[in-house]
Protein backbone atom coordinates (compact mmCIF):
# COMPACT_ATOMS: atom_id res chain seq x y z
CA MET A 1 0.04 0.01 -0.01
CA LYS A 2 1.52 3.34 -1.00
CA ASN A 3 2.14 5.79 1.86
CA ASN A 4 -0.23 8.38 0.56
CA THR A 5 -2.89 8.36 3.38
CA PRO A 6 -4.35 11.82 3.43
CA THR A 7 -4.09 13.90 6.55
CA LEU A 8 -7.35 14.53 8.45
CA TYR A 9 -8.01 18.01 9.83
CA THR A 10 -10.65 17.84 12.54
CA ALA A 11 -11.82 19.56 15.69
CA ILE A 12 -9.58 19.40 18.71
CA LEU A 13 -11.16 22.12 20.77
CA VAL A 14 -8.14 24.41 21.36
CA ALA A 15 -9.15 28.09 21.12
CA THR A 16 -7.65 31.43 20.59
CA PHE A 17 -8.94 33.52 23.34
CA ALA A 18 -10.62 36.96 22.93
CA LEU A 19 -12.53 38.92 25.52
CA ASN A 20 -16.32 38.40 25.50
CA ALA A 21 -16.24 36.76 22.06
CA PRO A 22 -16.51 33.24 20.76
CA CYS A 23 -13.19 31.54 20.12
CA GLU A 24 -12.57 29.54 16.97
CA VAL A 25 -10.81 26.33 17.34
CA MET A 26 -7.40 26.24 15.69
CA ARG A 27 -7.20 23.44 13.22
CA SER A 28 -4.70 20.88 14.27
CA CYS A 29 -3.54 17.77 12.56
CA PHE A 30 -4.69 14.25 13.46
CA ALA A 31 -1.83 12.62 11.45
CA LEU A 32 -2.87 9.28 9.94
CA GLU A 33 0.07 6.93 9.92
CA PRO A 34 0.75 5.17 6.69
CA THR A 35 -0.90 1.78 6.20
CA GLU A 36 0.84 -1.39 5.32
CA PRO A 37 1.94 -2.20 1.78
CA ALA A 38 0.16 -4.73 -0.23
CA PRO A 39 1.64 -8.15 0.09
CA THR A 40 4.72 -8.62 -1.99
CA SER A 41 7.24 -11.32 -2.50
CA THR A 42 9.20 -9.90 0.33
CA THR A 43 6.40 -10.55 2.78
CA GLN A 44 4.78 -13.64 1.40
CA ALA A 45 5.92 -17.31 1.89
CA THR A 46 7.95 -18.79 -0.83
CA THR A 47 6.53 -22.15 -1.82
CA VAL A 48 8.68 -24.76 -3.34
CA THR A 49 8.37 -28.63 -3.75
CA ALA A 50 10.57 -30.98 -1.78
CA ASN A 51 12.92 -31.55 -4.74
CA GLN A 52 13.56 -27.73 -5.16
CA THR A 53 15.77 -25.44 -3.10
CA ALA A 54 15.35 -21.88 -1.97
CA THR A 55 17.31 -19.41 0.16
CA PRO A 56 15.23 -18.49 3.15
CA MET A 57 14.97 -14.93 4.42
CA SER A 58 16.61 -14.22 7.82
CA SER A 59 14.12 -14.51 10.74
CA PRO A 60 13.73 -11.96 13.52
CA SER A 61 16.56 -11.97 16.04
CA GLY A 62 14.28 -12.52 18.94
CA MET A 63 15.91 -9.62 20.90
CA ARG A 64 13.79 -6.56 21.92
CA SER A 65 15.74 -3.34 21.36
CA PRO A 66 15.52 -1.20 24.39
CA ASP A 67 15.46 2.07 22.29
CA ARG A 68 12.82 0.78 19.83
CA LYS A 69 9.71 2.92 19.78
CA ARG A 70 6.30 1.43 20.33
CA PRO A 71 4.74 0.32 17.15
CA ILE A 72 2.48 2.78 15.37
CA ARG A 73 -1.11 1.64 15.72
CA LYS A 74 -2.52 1.14 12.29
CA GLY A 75 -5.91 2.87 12.13
CA SER A 76 -5.26 5.29 14.91
CA MET A 77 -4.79 9.00 14.40
CA THR A 78 -2.33 10.73 16.83
CA ARG A 79 -4.03 13.68 18.34
CA THR A 80 -1.73 16.57 18.19
CA VAL A 81 -2.94 19.51 20.33
CA ALA A 82 -2.03 23.04 19.42
CA ARG A 83 -0.81 25.40 22.12
CA GLU A 84 -3.54 27.56 23.64
CA ILE A 85 -2.99 31.19 22.87
CA ALA A 86 -4.36 34.10 24.98
CA PRO A 87 -3.91 37.37 23.02
CA ALA A 88 -4.00 40.73 24.76
CA ALA A 89 -7.33 42.52 24.74
CA THR A 90 -6.98 46.42 24.74
CA THR A 91 -9.46 48.35 26.89
CA ALA A 92 -9.76 52.02 27.84
CA THR A 93 -7.77 51.46 30.90
CA GLY A 94 -4.94 49.65 29.23
CA ALA A 95 -3.89 46.27 27.99
CA THR A 96 -5.23 43.20 29.81
CA THR A 97 -5.20 39.52 29.07
CA VAL A 98 -7.76 36.72 29.40
CA PRO A 99 -6.01 33.88 31.38
CA ALA A 100 -5.99 30.44 29.77
CA THR A 101 -8.16 29.22 32.65
CA GLY A 102 -10.90 31.54 31.58
CA GLY A 103 -10.74 33.71 34.72
CA ALA A 104 -11.58 37.40 34.88
CA ALA A 105 -9.71 39.68 32.52
CA GLY A 106 -7.11 41.77 34.25
CA ASN A 107 -6.94 39.81 37.44
CA THR A 108 -3.19 39.45 38.11
CA ASN A 109 -3.15 38.44 41.72
CA ASP A 110 -3.28 35.00 43.15
CA ASN A 111 -6.73 35.36 44.72
CA THR A 112 -8.72 34.23 41.74
CA THR A 113 -12.36 33.52 42.09
CA PRO A 114 -12.98 29.70 42.50
CA ALA A 115 -14.73 28.14 39.56
CA ALA A 116 -18.46 27.39 40.02
CA PRO A 117 -19.29 23.82 40.45
CA VAL A 118 -20.56 22.08 37.29
CA THR A 119 -24.20 20.98 37.48
CA ALA A 120 -26.45 19.22 34.91
CA GLU A 121 -28.07 22.59 34.31
CA SER A 122 -24.86 24.45 33.75
CA ALA A 123 -23.38 21.73 31.55
CA THR A 124 -26.53 21.86 29.37
CA ALA A 125 -26.39 25.60 29.18
CA ALA A 126 -22.73 25.44 28.22
CA LEU A 127 -23.35 22.99 25.45
CA GLU A 128 -26.29 24.94 24.15
CA SER A 129 -24.04 28.03 24.12
CA ALA A 130 -21.50 26.23 21.97
CA LEU A 131 -23.97 24.65 19.66
CA ALA A 132 -25.45 28.09 19.04
CA LEU A 133 -22.26 29.42 17.53
CA THR A 134 -22.44 29.75 13.69
CA GLN A 135 -19.12 27.96 13.45
CA ASN A 136 -20.72 24.81 14.82
CA ALA A 137 -23.62 24.50 12.43
CA ASP A 138 -22.29 21.38 10.70
CA PHE A 139 -21.49 19.77 14.03
CA ARG A 140 -24.85 20.66 15.59
CA ALA A 141 -26.68 19.19 12.61
CA TRP A 142 -24.83 15.89 13.03
CA TYR A 143 -25.06 15.96 16.87
CA GLU A 144 -28.86 16.38 16.80
CA SER A 145 -29.41 13.74 14.18
CA GLN A 146 -30.45 10.12 15.12
CA HIS A 147 -27.55 8.01 16.50
CA ILE A 148 -29.25 4.63 16.73
CA PHE A 149 -28.39 1.95 14.20
CA LEU A 150 -31.61 0.73 12.58
CA ALA A 151 -31.08 -2.60 10.80
CA PRO A 152 -32.71 -2.56 7.42
CA ARG A 153 -34.92 -5.28 5.93
CA SER A 154 -32.79 -8.26 5.20
CA ARG A 155 -31.39 -8.65 1.62
CA LEU A 156 -29.55 -11.93 1.59
CA GLN A 157 -27.02 -12.56 -1.14
CA ASN A 158 -25.81 -16.05 -1.81
CA LEU A 159 -22.07 -15.50 -2.16
CA GLN A 160 -19.99 -17.91 -4.13
CA PHE A 161 -16.50 -17.51 -2.61
CA SER A 162 -13.92 -18.16 -5.24
CA LEU A 163 -12.12 -21.39 -5.43
CA TRP A 164 -9.00 -21.20 -3.26
CA THR A 165 -6.11 -23.51 -2.64
CA ASP A 166 -4.90 -24.70 0.80
CA ASP A 167 -1.46 -26.40 0.95
CA GLN A 168 -1.04 -26.70 4.71
CA ALA A 169 -1.36 -30.52 4.76
CA CYS A 170 1.45 -30.75 2.16
CA ILE A 171 4.03 -28.78 3.96
CA ALA A 172 7.18 -31.00 4.53
CA LYS A 173 9.24 -28.42 6.30
CA ARG A 174 9.90 -24.73 6.73
CA GLU A 175 13.12 -22.67 6.61
CA GLY A 176 12.53 -19.00 7.50
CA ASP A 177 10.19 -17.59 4.85
CA THR A 178 10.28 -20.73 2.67
CA LYS A 179 7.92 -23.64 2.96
CA PHE A 180 8.80 -26.90 1.25
CA LEU A 181 5.87 -29.04 0.00
CA ARG A 182 5.90 -32.76 -0.39
CA ALA A 183 6.17 -33.67 -4.09
CA ASP A 184 3.50 -36.41 -3.82
CA CYS A 185 0.94 -34.19 -2.28
CA THR A 186 -1.91 -32.28 -3.98
CA PRO A 187 -3.08 -29.13 -2.23
CA MET A 188 -6.73 -29.00 -1.27
CA THR A 189 -9.06 -26.85 -3.40
CA ILE A 190 -12.19 -25.38 -1.77
CA ARG A 191 -15.19 -23.48 -2.77
CA ILE A 192 -18.07 -22.45 -0.57
CA SER A 193 -21.48 -20.90 -0.93
CA ALA A 194 -22.81 -18.87 1.98
CA LYS A 195 -25.55 -16.26 2.59
CA VAL A 196 -24.59 -12.76 3.58
CA ASN A 197 -27.10 -10.09 4.57
CA GLU A 198 -25.85 -7.51 2.02
CA ALA A 199 -28.33 -4.82 3.11
CA TRP A 200 -27.20 -5.06 6.79
CA ALA A 201 -23.52 -5.05 5.87
CA ASP A 202 -23.91 -1.83 3.77
CA SER A 203 -26.00 -0.09 6.35
CA PHE A 204 -23.67 -0.94 9.29
CA GLU A 205 -20.71 0.25 7.22
CA ARG A 206 -22.46 3.56 6.62
CA TYR A 207 -23.32 3.93 10.28
CA PHE A 208 -19.75 3.29 11.43
CA GLY A 209 -17.45 6.31 11.42
CA PHE A 210 -18.24 10.09 11.40
CA PRO A 211 -18.70 12.79 8.78
CA GLU A 212 -15.36 14.58 8.37
CA HIS A 213 -16.99 17.96 7.66
CA ALA A 214 -18.99 18.02 10.90
CA LEU A 215 -15.78 17.99 12.96
CA ASP A 216 -13.58 20.04 10.62
CA SER A 217 -13.86 23.15 12.76
CA VAL A 218 -15.63 23.58 16.09
CA ALA A 219 -15.77 26.59 18.43
CA TYR A 220 -16.59 27.29 22.02
CA ARG A 221 -16.83 30.29 24.32
CA VAL A 222 -14.23 31.11 26.84
CA GLY A 223 -14.95 30.62 30.55
CA ASP A 224 -18.51 29.25 30.46
CA GLY A 225 -17.77 25.53 30.45
CA SER A 226 -18.36 25.23 26.74
CA GLN A 227 -15.00 23.53 26.02
CA ALA A 228 -15.64 20.60 28.34
CA ALA A 229 -19.30 20.25 27.28
CA ILE A 230 -18.60 20.10 23.58
CA GLU A 231 -15.66 17.77 24.08
CA LYS A 232 -17.98 15.46 25.99
CA ALA A 233 -20.56 15.75 23.22
CA ILE A 234 -18.10 14.89 20.52
CA THR A 235 -16.59 11.98 22.53
CA GLU A 236 -20.00 10.42 23.39
CA THR A 237 -21.41 10.86 19.80
CA LEU A 238 -18.35 9.26 18.27
CA ALA A 239 -18.62 6.27 20.66
CA GLN A 240 -22.09 5.59 19.30
CA HIS A 241 -20.58 5.12 15.87
CA GLY A 242 -17.79 2.83 16.87
CA ILE A 243 -15.04 5.51 17.26
CA ILE A 244 -13.01 5.91 20.45
CA CYS A 245 -11.87 9.49 21.10
CA SER A 246 -9.24 10.17 23.79
CA ALA A 247 -6.95 13.08 24.58
CA GLN A 248 -4.24 11.27 22.56
CA SER A 249 -5.88 9.69 19.64
CA ILE A 250 -9.00 8.75 17.65
CA SER A 251 -9.26 5.11 16.81
CA PRO A 252 -11.88 2.39 15.81
CA ASP A 253 -13.70 0.60 18.62
CA HIS A 254 -12.90 -2.88 17.45
CA GLN A 255 -14.84 -4.52 20.34
CA TRP A 256 -18.04 -2.65 19.34
CA ILE A 257 -17.57 -3.68 15.71
CA LEU A 258 -17.01 -7.31 16.59
CA ASP A 259 -19.97 -7.51 19.06
CA SER A 260 -22.30 -5.96 16.49
CA SER A 261 -21.24 -8.22 13.66
CA LEU A 262 -21.25 -11.73 15.26
CA ALA A 263 -24.72 -12.77 14.20
CA GLN A 264 -24.15 -11.50 10.64
CA VAL A 265 -21.05 -13.71 9.94
CA ARG A 266 -22.02 -16.84 11.85
CA ASP A 267 -23.53 -18.60 8.86
CA VAL A 268 -20.38 -17.95 6.77
CA ALA A 269 -18.09 -19.25 9.55
CA ASN A 270 -20.20 -22.56 9.92
CA ALA A 271 -20.15 -22.92 6.10
CA VAL A 272 -16.37 -22.57 5.92
CA ILE A 273 -15.77 -25.14 8.71
CA ASP A 274 -18.27 -27.67 7.43
CA THR A 275 -16.76 -27.48 3.87
CA TYR A 276 -13.12 -27.44 4.92
CA TRP A 277 -13.47 -30.47 7.21
CA SER A 278 -16.17 -32.25 5.16
CA GLY A 279 -14.13 -35.42 4.95
CA GLN A 280 -13.39 -35.71 8.64
CA ARG A 281 -15.37 -37.81 11.08
CA GLY A 282 -16.59 -36.04 14.19
CA ARG A 283 -16.70 -32.43 15.18
CA PRO A 284 -13.53 -30.34 14.33
CA SER A 285 -11.50 -29.26 17.33
CA ALA A 286 -11.14 -25.54 18.19
CA ARG A 287 -7.67 -25.45 16.61
CA GLN A 288 -9.11 -27.12 13.42
CA ARG A 289 -12.01 -24.68 13.27
CA ILE A 290 -9.52 -21.69 13.49
CA GLU A 291 -7.37 -23.36 10.72
CA ALA A 292 -10.38 -23.45 8.39
CA LEU A 293 -11.35 -19.84 9.07
CA THR A 294 -7.77 -18.67 8.73
CA SER A 295 -7.42 -20.27 5.32
CA PHE A 296 -10.72 -18.77 4.19
CA VAL A 297 -9.78 -15.13 5.24
CA GLN A 298 -6.30 -15.51 3.79
CA ASN A 299 -7.26 -17.03 0.43
CA ALA A 300 -10.97 -16.46 -0.34
CA ILE A 301 -11.13 -12.82 0.91
CA PRO A 302 -9.24 -10.47 -1.45
CA TYR A 303 -6.69 -8.04 -0.18
CA ARG A 304 -8.09 -4.61 -0.77
CA LYS A 305 -6.44 -1.32 0.03
CA VAL A 306 -8.45 0.91 2.45
CA ASP A 307 -7.41 4.50 3.00
CA ASP A 308 -10.41 6.12 4.41
CA GLY A 309 -14.13 6.73 3.84
CA ARG A 310 -13.58 8.74 0.66
CA ASN A 311 -11.96 5.80 -1.02
CA ASP A 312 -14.36 3.28 0.44
CA SER A 313 -17.05 1.58 -1.63
CA VAL A 314 -19.85 3.42 0.17
CA LYS A 315 -18.20 6.80 -0.70
CA ASP A 316 -20.37 8.77 1.77
CA GLY A 317 -17.80 11.12 3.18
CA ASN A 318 -17.54 9.31 6.56
CA TYR A 319 -14.16 8.81 8.06
CA ARG A 320 -13.48 5.26 9.32
CA CYS A 321 -9.76 5.22 10.33
CA GLY A 322 -8.93 3.09 7.37
CA LEU A 323 -11.00 0.07 8.59
CA ARG A 324 -13.79 -1.81 7.02
CA THR A 325 -16.53 -3.70 8.97
CA PRO A 326 -16.56 -7.49 8.87
CA GLY A 327 -19.70 -7.77 6.80
CA GLU A 328 -18.28 -5.37 4.20
CA VAL A 329 -15.06 -7.22 4.07
CA LEU A 330 -16.96 -10.42 3.26
CA LEU A 331 -18.55 -8.60 0.27
CA ASP A 332 -15.53 -6.67 -1.04
CA GLY A 333 -12.25 -7.52 0.76
CA GLY A 334 -10.00 -5.46 2.98
CA ASP A 335 -6.45 -4.90 4.16
CA CYS A 336 -4.61 -6.20 7.23
CA ASP A 337 -6.62 -4.73 10.06
CA SER A 338 -9.94 -5.21 8.26
CA LYS A 339 -9.11 -8.91 7.63
CA SER A 340 -7.67 -9.40 11.07
CA LEU A 341 -10.89 -8.15 12.62
CA LEU A 342 -12.94 -10.21 10.27
CA LEU A 343 -11.18 -13.39 11.31
CA ALA A 344 -11.46 -12.54 15.06
CA THR A 345 -15.33 -12.00 14.40
CA LEU A 346 -15.69 -15.27 12.51
CA ILE A 347 -13.91 -17.23 15.27
CA ARG A 348 -15.86 -15.61 18.05
CA SER A 349 -19.12 -16.18 16.14
CA VAL A 350 -18.71 -19.95 16.58
CA ASP A 351 -16.69 -20.03 19.81
CA GLU A 352 -17.23 -17.31 22.31
CA ARG A 353 -14.56 -18.61 24.69
CA THR A 354 -11.53 -18.53 22.40
CA PRO A 355 -9.20 -15.71 23.35
CA VAL A 356 -8.42 -13.34 20.49
CA ALA A 357 -6.25 -10.22 20.30
CA LEU A 358 -5.39 -7.79 17.57
CA VAL A 359 -1.58 -7.34 17.29
CA TYR A 360 -0.10 -3.94 16.31
CA CYS A 361 3.35 -4.43 14.79
CA MET A 362 5.60 -3.12 12.01
CA ASN A 363 6.19 -4.67 8.62
CA ASN A 364 9.58 -3.22 7.72
CA THR A 365 8.92 0.49 8.29
CA THR A 366 5.05 0.49 7.85
CA PRO A 367 2.34 -0.19 10.38
CA HIS A 368 0.79 -3.57 10.24
CA MET A 369 -1.71 -5.80 12.02
CA CYS A 370 -2.15 -9.42 12.63
CA LEU A 371 -4.20 -11.66 14.94
CA ALA A 372 -3.24 -13.69 18.00
CA VAL A 373 -5.47 -16.61 19.07
CA GLY A 374 -5.45 -18.70 22.24
CA CYS A 375 -5.65 -22.33 21.09
CA ASP A 376 -3.51 -25.47 20.92
CA MET A 377 0.00 -24.68 19.74
CA PHE A 378 2.71 -26.71 18.01
CA GLU A 379 6.44 -26.56 18.48
CA GLY A 380 8.18 -23.82 16.56
CA GLU A 381 5.03 -21.73 16.13
CA GLN A 382 5.49 -17.99 16.78
CA ARG A 383 3.38 -16.76 19.72
CA ILE A 384 2.83 -13.72 21.96
CA ASN A 385 2.15 -13.38 25.56
CA VAL A 386 -1.12 -11.59 26.11
CA ASN A 387 -1.88 -10.80 29.76
CA GLY A 388 -0.20 -14.04 30.78
CA THR A 389 -1.77 -16.19 28.00
CA GLN A 390 0.36 -17.58 25.30
CA MET A 391 -1.43 -17.04 21.90
CA VAL A 392 -0.46 -18.17 18.42
CA LEU A 393 0.12 -15.53 15.76
CA ILE A 394 -1.91 -15.53 12.58
CA GLU A 395 -1.10 -13.47 9.34
CA THR A 396 -4.28 -12.71 7.47
CA THR A 397 -2.87 -11.03 4.24
CA SER A 398 -0.87 -13.93 2.99
CA ASP A 399 -1.16 -17.75 3.06
CA TRP A 400 1.24 -18.41 6.08
CA ASP A 401 0.25 -21.40 8.14
CA MET A 402 -0.80 -20.67 11.71
CA GLY A 403 2.03 -19.63 13.95
CA HIS A 404 4.20 -18.13 11.23
CA VAL A 405 4.51 -14.53 10.04
CA GLY A 406 7.03 -13.09 7.66
CA ALA A 407 10.59 -12.24 8.67
CA SER A 408 9.87 -8.51 7.86
CA THR A 409 7.19 -8.43 10.63
CA ASP A 410 8.56 -7.28 13.88
CA ILE A 411 6.93 -9.30 16.60
CA MET A 412 9.43 -8.58 19.24
CA ASN A 413 8.12 -5.05 19.61
CA ALA A 414 4.47 -5.78 18.96
CA GLU A 415 1.52 -4.70 21.14
CA ALA A 416 -1.60 -6.73 21.64
CA GLN A 417 -5.18 -5.49 22.13
CA PRO A 418 -7.30 -8.33 23.71
CA LEU A 419 -10.83 -8.50 22.56
CA ARG A 420 -13.46 -9.67 25.14
């Protein structure tokens, strides 16, 4: 994926202060980190038959560099807050300033008047004061609109997932990024048909995220509690659309998306497992179910670059932090974080007890995401400790077998986000 992710300018609620006048928020940059490149030969497994040779790439050293920065979280925007500025206000008696705390102008001693306690009535009044400003017309229109997801009438589409090849049963050995297949083994070919509620997937995708223009510039009045009130309004409204807003960043609420999508992907998950293990007697184990779903997400779901809402299939102007919801990924593909979240949702839809965690890491110099799953593990498989639980790593953008990621993926400095 090219590193051309656009920069989003949105409200951060930092004002230039002027006496007895509304203060416009200074635009500050929520810098989007570049997304990971599309899989190339340097990040994919090299496959050869047993009578061929190949030079494996070097694997990670296994040592954590003490001066290594924490991995950039793909899909998160770093919230860069501008410095508050309190320009002088000239009056008939001379120059005075409005303190950054919003205290009385011209009060230069230490005996400032204590701030009045915040009550429900004062908070409501402060928010109304901010919403009444002409600068906030776009935000007010969005804030006062309906924020409840109403599922549409079902429109089931019988998807014929393309024929894909799974060679896991044929792997004789691995050397770094090279897997050697037995010459006498034929990889399995799979095709499944499953119903997906296309209307629900499209509607949920449109509901997720926020309109960029509504938060492009927001204003508040100095000293009347408007800043806290409108920040609270923005944070709570974003949360209703699957977006987490903190003082440091804006990021997708992966848990909210997963919980909302479980019922919509369950039929697909069961169809994949039943087809993949159709020749086996008895119910597949938890590990075997995960193997089937992993193969499906890796091979049957196309890798699709996702920048933001403006480049998304819906094209509705909503910003979604470069993430697509699971139902939409089933319909049209996605990139590393979208496919990792889809796999987590598929797994949880058929087994609510299996631990899953999103893993933020770096693929060479670009942010990347893979999945960690708590299940049976085999010797030599790469794993990560998540809150005391050893979990196997799964790459979703290339056909690695479970427990193997590319040598260019830095797992030593990865961070995991457990999903409940």
